[in-house]
């Protein structure tokens, strides 16, 4: 009896290589990434190793004794960003006036002398606080939308997306008119005799965080909504059948199953919040400068592109480290 030929077993590791048609279809996206992402990023990194001329230009060479030009790249912009000179000259003992202020007072005064480090940490703090508030406020909203009936769900998603129909500058100026000394909020509180005099709300950290939360809250809601929509009710019902209460079912079943949306939303909020300078400038008034404002002023008012490029490169490294840590956590 002749043997019947059989097909080779299917391998799960088999991947089909894209043909020229697929590359042609992706060529507009690849060209856009090359021109507007890769090339500007490389330029910023290269500029960060240059020096500023008296005319505000970028210089990568220096004259030699023979009168020729020699390539000269420098790390001075990065050392300036971390106040390296102050770190090297930091005294081993605190001055007497700082010692009298106590340990925490001395640490605070010493920390305040490091300008750029302070600006970096303040920017990270604003972004972290914005991310936490967006997560606390956005998760219940996303969960409610994800478990709502389909007809109501589309309406609720439309309401979340309505702010994107206008420019974020218009939305920011709207908050300025609401929170200003003569704005609507103070007017209502004064009319109701809740406060004796107008509150100082504008140009404060509260106004900055409020503007960031308002503008980035939809970026937290939408990824979490996607994870909640895919949530399997059978898992939650099984937890209840096994004796878990609402709190335990939420913390050990619902949160782990929706964690991808939480992580994606946190990245979408945290990363742009660090470098956002328009909101912090308009609603903070420059009283507490952030790293985004400093970078913008280095390229405009200060006419120091190398130093601004170094600060931008450091921010880029922070973003890359954040993405790497997130990916490693997801793999584990």
Protein backbone atom coordinates (compact mmCIF):
# COMPACT_ATOMS: atom_id res chain seq x y z
CA UNK A 1 0.00 0.00 0.00
CA UNK A 2 1.47 3.36 -1.09
CA UNK A 3 2.17 5.89 1.59
CA UNK A 4 0.01 8.98 1.55
CA UNK A 5 2.16 12.15 1.59
CA UNK A 6 1.35 14.48 4.42
CA UNK A 7 2.03 18.21 4.79
CA UNK A 8 4.83 19.29 7.09
CA UNK A 9 3.69 20.27 10.56
CA UNK A 10 2.84 23.94 10.98
CA UNK A 11 5.38 25.92 12.94
CA UNK A 12 4.10 28.68 15.18
CA UNK A 13 7.37 30.61 14.68
CA UNK A 14 6.78 30.99 10.94
CA UNK A 15 6.51 34.61 9.87
CA UNK A 16 5.83 35.84 6.39
CA UNK A 17 8.23 38.45 5.12
CA UNK A 18 6.58 41.61 3.80
CA UNK A 19 6.82 42.05 0.05
CA UNK A 20 7.52 45.19 -1.94
CA UNK A 21 3.81 46.03 -1.94
CA UNK A 22 3.73 46.19 1.87
CA UNK A 23 6.83 48.41 1.97
CA UNK A 24 5.33 50.65 -0.70
CA UNK A 25 2.13 50.92 1.35
CA UNK A 26 4.16 51.87 4.44
CA UNK A 27 6.49 54.27 2.61
CA UNK A 28 4.49 57.46 3.47
CA UNK A 29 4.62 56.59 7.18
CA UNK A 30 8.31 55.70 7.03
CA UNK A 31 9.09 58.92 5.15
CA UNK A 32 7.14 60.95 7.71
CA UNK A 33 9.00 59.29 10.59
CA UNK A 34 12.34 59.89 8.88
CA UNK A 35 11.78 63.59 8.12
CA UNK A 36 9.89 64.70 11.22
CA UNK A 37 11.07 62.32 13.97
CA UNK A 38 14.44 60.71 13.24
CA UNK A 39 16.18 63.63 11.49
CA UNK A 40 15.12 66.28 14.09
CA UNK A 41 16.10 63.96 16.94
CA UNK A 42 19.56 63.37 15.45
CA UNK A 43 19.97 67.12 14.92
CA UNK A 44 19.08 67.85 18.55
CA UNK A 45 21.57 65.26 19.82
CA UNK A 46 24.34 66.62 17.57
CA UNK A 47 23.63 70.25 18.52
CA UNK A 48 23.91 69.37 22.20
CA UNK A 49 27.66 68.75 21.76
CA UNK A 50 28.28 72.14 20.13
CA UNK A 51 29.15 75.51 21.61
CA UNK A 52 27.37 78.84 21.37
CA UNK A 53 29.06 81.67 19.51
CA UNK A 54 28.60 85.34 20.55
CA UNK A 55 26.09 85.67 17.69
CA UNK A 56 24.01 82.75 18.98
CA UNK A 57 25.17 80.29 16.32
CA UNK A 58 26.28 76.68 16.87
CA UNK A 59 29.97 75.89 16.51
CA UNK A 60 31.55 72.43 16.33
CA UNK A 61 35.15 73.44 15.58
CA UNK A 62 37.89 75.46 17.21
CA UNK A 63 41.04 77.00 15.72
CA UNK A 64 44.38 75.29 16.28
CA UNK A 65 47.81 76.83 16.73
CA UNK A 66 48.45 76.40 13.01
CA UNK A 67 45.34 78.42 12.16
CA UNK A 68 43.33 75.42 11.00
CA UNK A 69 39.90 74.31 12.23
CA UNK A 70 39.62 71.21 14.41
CA UNK A 71 36.50 69.28 15.35
CA UNK A 72 35.71 69.98 18.98
CA UNK A 73 32.69 68.40 20.67
CA UNK A 74 32.01 69.24 24.29
CA UNK A 75 30.08 67.86 27.25
CA UNK A 76 29.82 71.29 28.86
CA UNK A 77 26.11 71.64 28.10
CA UNK A 78 25.33 68.41 29.95
CA UNK A 79 27.57 69.35 32.87
CA UNK A 80 25.80 72.69 33.08
CA UNK A 81 22.42 70.94 33.09
CA UNK A 82 23.39 68.98 36.19
CA UNK A 83 25.28 71.88 37.85
CA UNK A 84 28.45 69.79 37.80
CA UNK A 85 30.63 72.63 39.06
CA UNK A 86 28.45 73.04 42.14
CA UNK A 87 28.42 69.28 42.73
CA UNK A 88 32.24 69.19 42.65
CA UNK A 89 32.57 72.19 44.97
CA UNK A 90 29.92 70.98 47.42
CA UNK A 91 31.32 71.42 50.96
CA UNK A 92 31.64 68.38 53.19
CA UNK A 93 30.04 70.27 56.09
CA UNK A 94 27.09 72.63 55.99
CA UNK A 95 27.67 76.33 56.69
CA UNK A 96 26.74 77.63 60.12
CA UNK A 97 23.60 79.47 58.98
CA UNK A 98 22.36 76.29 57.29
CA UNK A 99 23.18 74.18 60.32
CA UNK A 100 21.08 76.48 62.45
CA UNK A 101 18.14 75.92 60.11
CA UNK A 102 18.12 72.23 61.00
CA UNK A 103 18.75 69.18 58.81
CA UNK A 104 15.74 69.53 56.52
CA UNK A 105 16.15 73.28 56.22
CA UNK A 106 19.81 72.82 55.34
CA UNK A 107 19.00 70.21 52.71
CA UNK A 108 16.33 72.49 51.25
CA UNK A 109 18.72 75.46 51.00
CA UNK A 110 21.46 73.32 49.51
CA UNK A 111 19.04 71.79 47.01
CA UNK A 112 17.71 75.20 45.96
CA UNK A 113 21.20 76.24 44.87
CA UNK A 114 21.16 73.61 42.12
CA UNK A 115 18.97 75.44 39.62
CA UNK A 116 18.74 72.96 36.74
CA UNK A 117 18.37 69.91 38.94
CA UNK A 118 15.56 71.67 40.77
CA UNK A 119 13.81 72.50 37.49
CA UNK A 120 14.10 68.88 36.32
CA UNK A 121 12.69 67.50 39.56
CA UNK A 122 9.88 70.06 39.65
CA UNK A 123 8.92 69.12 36.08
CA UNK A 124 8.94 65.41 36.94
CA UNK A 125 6.87 66.14 40.06
CA UNK A 126 4.26 68.06 38.04
CA UNK A 127 4.07 65.23 35.49
CA UNK A 128 3.86 62.55 38.19
CA UNK A 129 1.15 64.44 40.10
CA UNK A 130 -0.79 64.98 36.86
CA UNK A 131 -0.55 61.28 36.03
CA UNK A 132 -1.77 60.21 39.48
CA UNK A 133 -4.74 62.59 39.43
CA UNK A 134 -5.67 61.56 35.88
CA UNK A 135 -5.50 57.92 36.93
CA UNK A 136 -7.65 58.42 40.04
CA UNK A 137 -10.24 60.47 38.16
CA UNK A 138 -10.06 58.68 34.80
CA UNK A 139 -10.27 55.06 35.91
CA UNK A 140 -13.83 55.26 37.37
CA UNK A 141 -14.97 57.21 34.31
CA UNK A 142 -13.41 54.70 31.91
CA UNK A 143 -14.82 51.77 33.89
CA UNK A 144 -18.31 53.27 33.86
CA UNK A 145 -18.15 53.92 30.11
CA UNK A 146 -16.76 50.46 29.37
CA UNK A 147 -19.54 48.69 31.28
CA UNK A 148 -22.37 50.96 30.04
CA UNK A 149 -24.86 49.81 27.34
CA UNK A 150 -23.62 50.16 23.81
CA UNK A 151 -25.99 52.98 22.85
CA UNK A 152 -25.06 55.05 25.91
CA UNK A 153 -21.38 54.12 25.55
CA UNK A 154 -21.03 55.87 22.20
CA UNK A 155 -22.60 59.03 23.63
CA UNK A 156 -20.27 59.02 26.62
CA UNK A 157 -17.21 58.53 24.41
CA UNK A 158 -18.34 61.48 22.30
CA UNK A 159 -18.55 63.63 25.44
CA UNK A 160 -14.99 62.63 26.36
CA UNK A 161 -13.76 63.54 22.87
CA UNK A 162 -15.54 66.91 22.67
CA UNK A 163 -12.57 68.88 24.15
CA UNK A 164 -10.43 67.69 21.22
CA UNK A 165 -12.72 69.52 18.83
CA UNK A 166 -11.13 72.83 19.84
CA UNK A 167 -7.51 73.92 20.20
CA UNK A 168 -5.88 73.23 23.55
CA UNK A 169 -4.83 76.91 23.64
CA UNK A 170 -8.47 77.96 23.51
CA UNK A 171 -9.27 75.53 26.32
CA UNK A 172 -6.36 76.89 28.35
CA UNK A 173 -7.44 80.51 27.86
CA UNK A 174 -10.94 79.48 28.93
CA UNK A 175 -9.53 78.25 32.24
CA UNK A 176 -7.62 81.53 32.60
CA UNK A 177 -10.88 83.48 32.29
CA UNK A 178 -12.51 81.18 34.85
CA UNK A 179 -9.72 81.27 37.45
CA UNK A 180 -8.58 84.88 37.14
CA UNK A 181 -9.14 87.38 39.94
CA UNK A 182 -12.11 88.88 38.10
CA UNK A 183 -13.19 85.57 36.59
CA UNK A 184 -16.39 83.61 36.76
CA UNK A 185 -15.40 81.40 39.71
CA UNK A 186 -14.41 84.28 41.99
CA UNK A 187 -17.49 86.19 40.88
CA UNK A 188 -19.82 83.34 41.86
CA UNK A 189 -18.09 82.81 45.22
CA UNK A 190 -18.20 86.52 46.02
CA UNK A 191 -21.87 86.77 45.00
CA UNK A 192 -22.72 83.83 47.26
CA UNK A 193 -20.65 85.46 50.05
CA UNK A 194 -18.59 82.27 50.42
CA UNK A 195 -15.32 84.24 50.39
CA UNK A 196 -14.68 87.82 51.55
CA UNK A 197 -12.18 88.61 48.77
CA UNK A 198 -11.13 87.04 45.46
CA UNK A 199 -8.97 83.94 45.64
CA UNK A 200 -5.53 83.88 44.04
CA UNK A 201 -5.86 80.87 41.74
CA UNK A 202 -3.95 81.88 38.65
CA UNK A 203 -0.16 81.65 38.36
CA UNK A 204 0.06 79.03 41.08
CA UNK A 205 1.05 75.34 41.07
CA UNK A 206 -2.65 74.54 41.50
CA UNK A 207 -3.48 76.26 38.20
CA UNK A 208 -0.63 74.47 36.41
CA UNK A 209 -1.69 71.01 37.61
CA UNK A 210 -5.34 71.79 36.85
CA UNK A 211 -4.50 72.79 33.28
CA UNK A 212 -2.38 69.68 32.75
CA UNK A 213 -5.03 67.36 34.19
CA UNK A 214 -7.80 68.90 32.12
CA UNK A 215 -5.87 68.65 28.86
CA UNK A 216 -4.44 65.15 29.38
CA UNK A 217 -7.34 63.42 31.15
CA UNK A 218 -8.82 61.98 27.89
CA UNK A 219 -5.45 60.34 27.17
CA UNK A 220 -5.89 58.38 30.39
CA UNK A 221 -9.57 57.54 29.92
CA UNK A 222 -9.39 56.11 26.39
CA UNK A 223 -6.68 53.42 26.92
CA UNK A 224 -8.30 52.27 30.18
CA UNK A 225 -11.69 52.18 28.45
CA UNK A 226 -10.24 49.86 25.79
CA UNK A 227 -9.04 47.43 28.49
CA UNK A 228 -12.32 47.61 30.42
CA UNK A 229 -14.31 46.91 27.26
CA UNK A 230 -12.38 43.67 26.78
CA UNK A 231 -12.83 42.64 30.42
CA UNK A 232 -14.34 39.15 30.74
CA UNK A 233 -17.25 39.19 33.18
CA UNK A 234 -16.76 35.47 33.79
CA UNK A 235 -13.50 36.24 35.62
CA UNK A 236 -15.23 38.67 37.97
CA UNK A 237 -18.14 36.31 38.58
CA UNK A 238 -15.71 33.47 39.32
CA UNK A 239 -13.98 35.66 41.92
CA UNK A 240 -17.31 36.32 43.63
CA UNK A 241 -18.17 32.60 43.53
CA UNK A 242 -14.87 31.79 45.24
CA UNK A 243 -15.70 34.11 48.10
CA UNK A 244 -13.95 37.31 47.09
CA UNK A 245 -15.58 40.57 48.15
CA UNK A 246 -15.94 43.65 45.96
CA UNK A 247 -12.64 45.16 47.14
CA UNK A 248 -10.66 41.96 46.64
CA UNK A 249 -12.24 41.24 43.27
CA UNK A 250 -11.43 44.76 42.14
CA UNK A 251 -7.82 44.75 43.37
CA UNK A 252 -6.88 41.18 42.38
CA UNK A 253 -8.96 40.58 39.26
CA UNK A 254 -10.16 43.79 37.62
CA UNK A 255 -7.01 45.86 38.13
CA UNK A 256 -4.61 43.17 36.78
CA UNK A 257 -6.82 42.56 33.75
CA UNK A 258 -6.99 46.28 32.94
CA UNK A 259 -3.33 46.96 33.74
CA UNK A 260 -2.27 47.33 30.06
CA UNK A 261 -4.67 50.24 29.68
CA UNK A 262 -3.45 51.82 32.92
CA UNK A 263 0.19 51.59 31.84
CA UNK A 264 -0.56 52.97 28.36
CA UNK A 265 -2.56 55.85 29.82
CA UNK A 266 0.15 56.65 32.35
CA UNK A 267 2.75 56.88 29.60
CA UNK A 268 0.50 59.00 27.38
CA UNK A 269 0.03 61.46 30.26
CA UNK A 270 3.43 61.41 31.98
CA UNK A 271 5.67 61.79 28.93
CA UNK A 272 4.10 64.93 27.37
CA UNK A 273 3.40 66.51 30.77
CA UNK A 274 7.12 66.86 31.50
CA UNK A 275 7.88 68.88 28.38
CA UNK A 276 4.60 70.83 28.12
CA UNK A 277 5.51 74.52 28.28
CA UNK A 278 2.43 76.28 26.90
CA UNK A 279 0.17 75.38 29.83
CA UNK A 280 2.82 76.01 32.48
CA UNK A 281 3.68 79.38 30.92
CA UNK A 282 0.09 80.58 30.53
CA UNK A 283 -1.33 79.27 33.81
CA UNK A 284 1.84 79.33 35.90
CA UNK A 285 3.09 82.71 34.78
CA UNK A 286 6.70 81.52 34.84
CA UNK A 287 6.83 81.69 38.66
CA UNK A 288 7.76 78.00 38.89
CA UNK A 289 9.62 77.30 35.63
CA UNK A 290 9.52 73.81 34.17
CA UNK A 291 11.98 72.13 31.88
CA UNK A 292 9.74 72.69 28.85
CA UNK A 293 9.75 76.45 29.44
CA UNK A 294 13.52 76.47 29.87
CA UNK A 295 14.10 74.57 26.61
CA UNK A 296 11.73 76.88 24.72
CA UNK A 297 13.49 79.99 26.05
CA UNK A 298 16.95 78.62 25.23
CA UNK A 299 15.99 78.42 21.56
CA UNK A 300 14.22 81.82 21.50
CA UNK A 301 15.11 84.42 24.13
CA UNK A 302 18.50 83.13 25.31
CA UNK A 303 19.64 82.14 21.79
CA UNK A 304 21.54 79.15 23.19
CA UNK A 305 20.51 76.14 21.04
CA UNK A 306 23.32 73.83 22.29
CA UNK A 307 22.19 74.05 25.89
CA UNK A 308 18.53 73.72 24.92
CA UNK A 309 19.44 70.67 22.83
CA UNK A 310 21.25 69.12 25.80
CA UNK A 311 18.19 69.58 28.00
CA UNK A 312 16.01 68.10 25.26
CA UNK A 313 18.35 65.12 24.92
CA UNK A 314 18.19 64.50 28.67
CA UNK A 315 14.40 64.54 28.44
CA UNK A 316 14.57 62.07 25.57
CA UNK A 317 16.70 59.74 27.69
CA UNK A 318 14.14 59.99 30.51
CA UNK A 319 11.39 58.99 28.07
CA UNK A 320 13.42 56.05 26.75
CA UNK A 321 14.15 54.83 30.29
CA UNK A 322 10.46 55.11 31.19
CA UNK A 323 9.46 53.06 28.15
CA UNK A 324 12.16 50.48 28.86
CA UNK A 325 11.08 50.07 32.48
CA UNK A 326 7.45 49.75 31.44
CA UNK A 327 8.25 47.12 28.81
CA UNK A 328 10.41 45.18 31.25
CA UNK A 329 7.61 45.24 33.84
CA UNK A 330 5.12 43.94 31.28
CA UNK A 331 7.47 41.12 30.23
CA UNK A 332 7.93 40.05 33.85
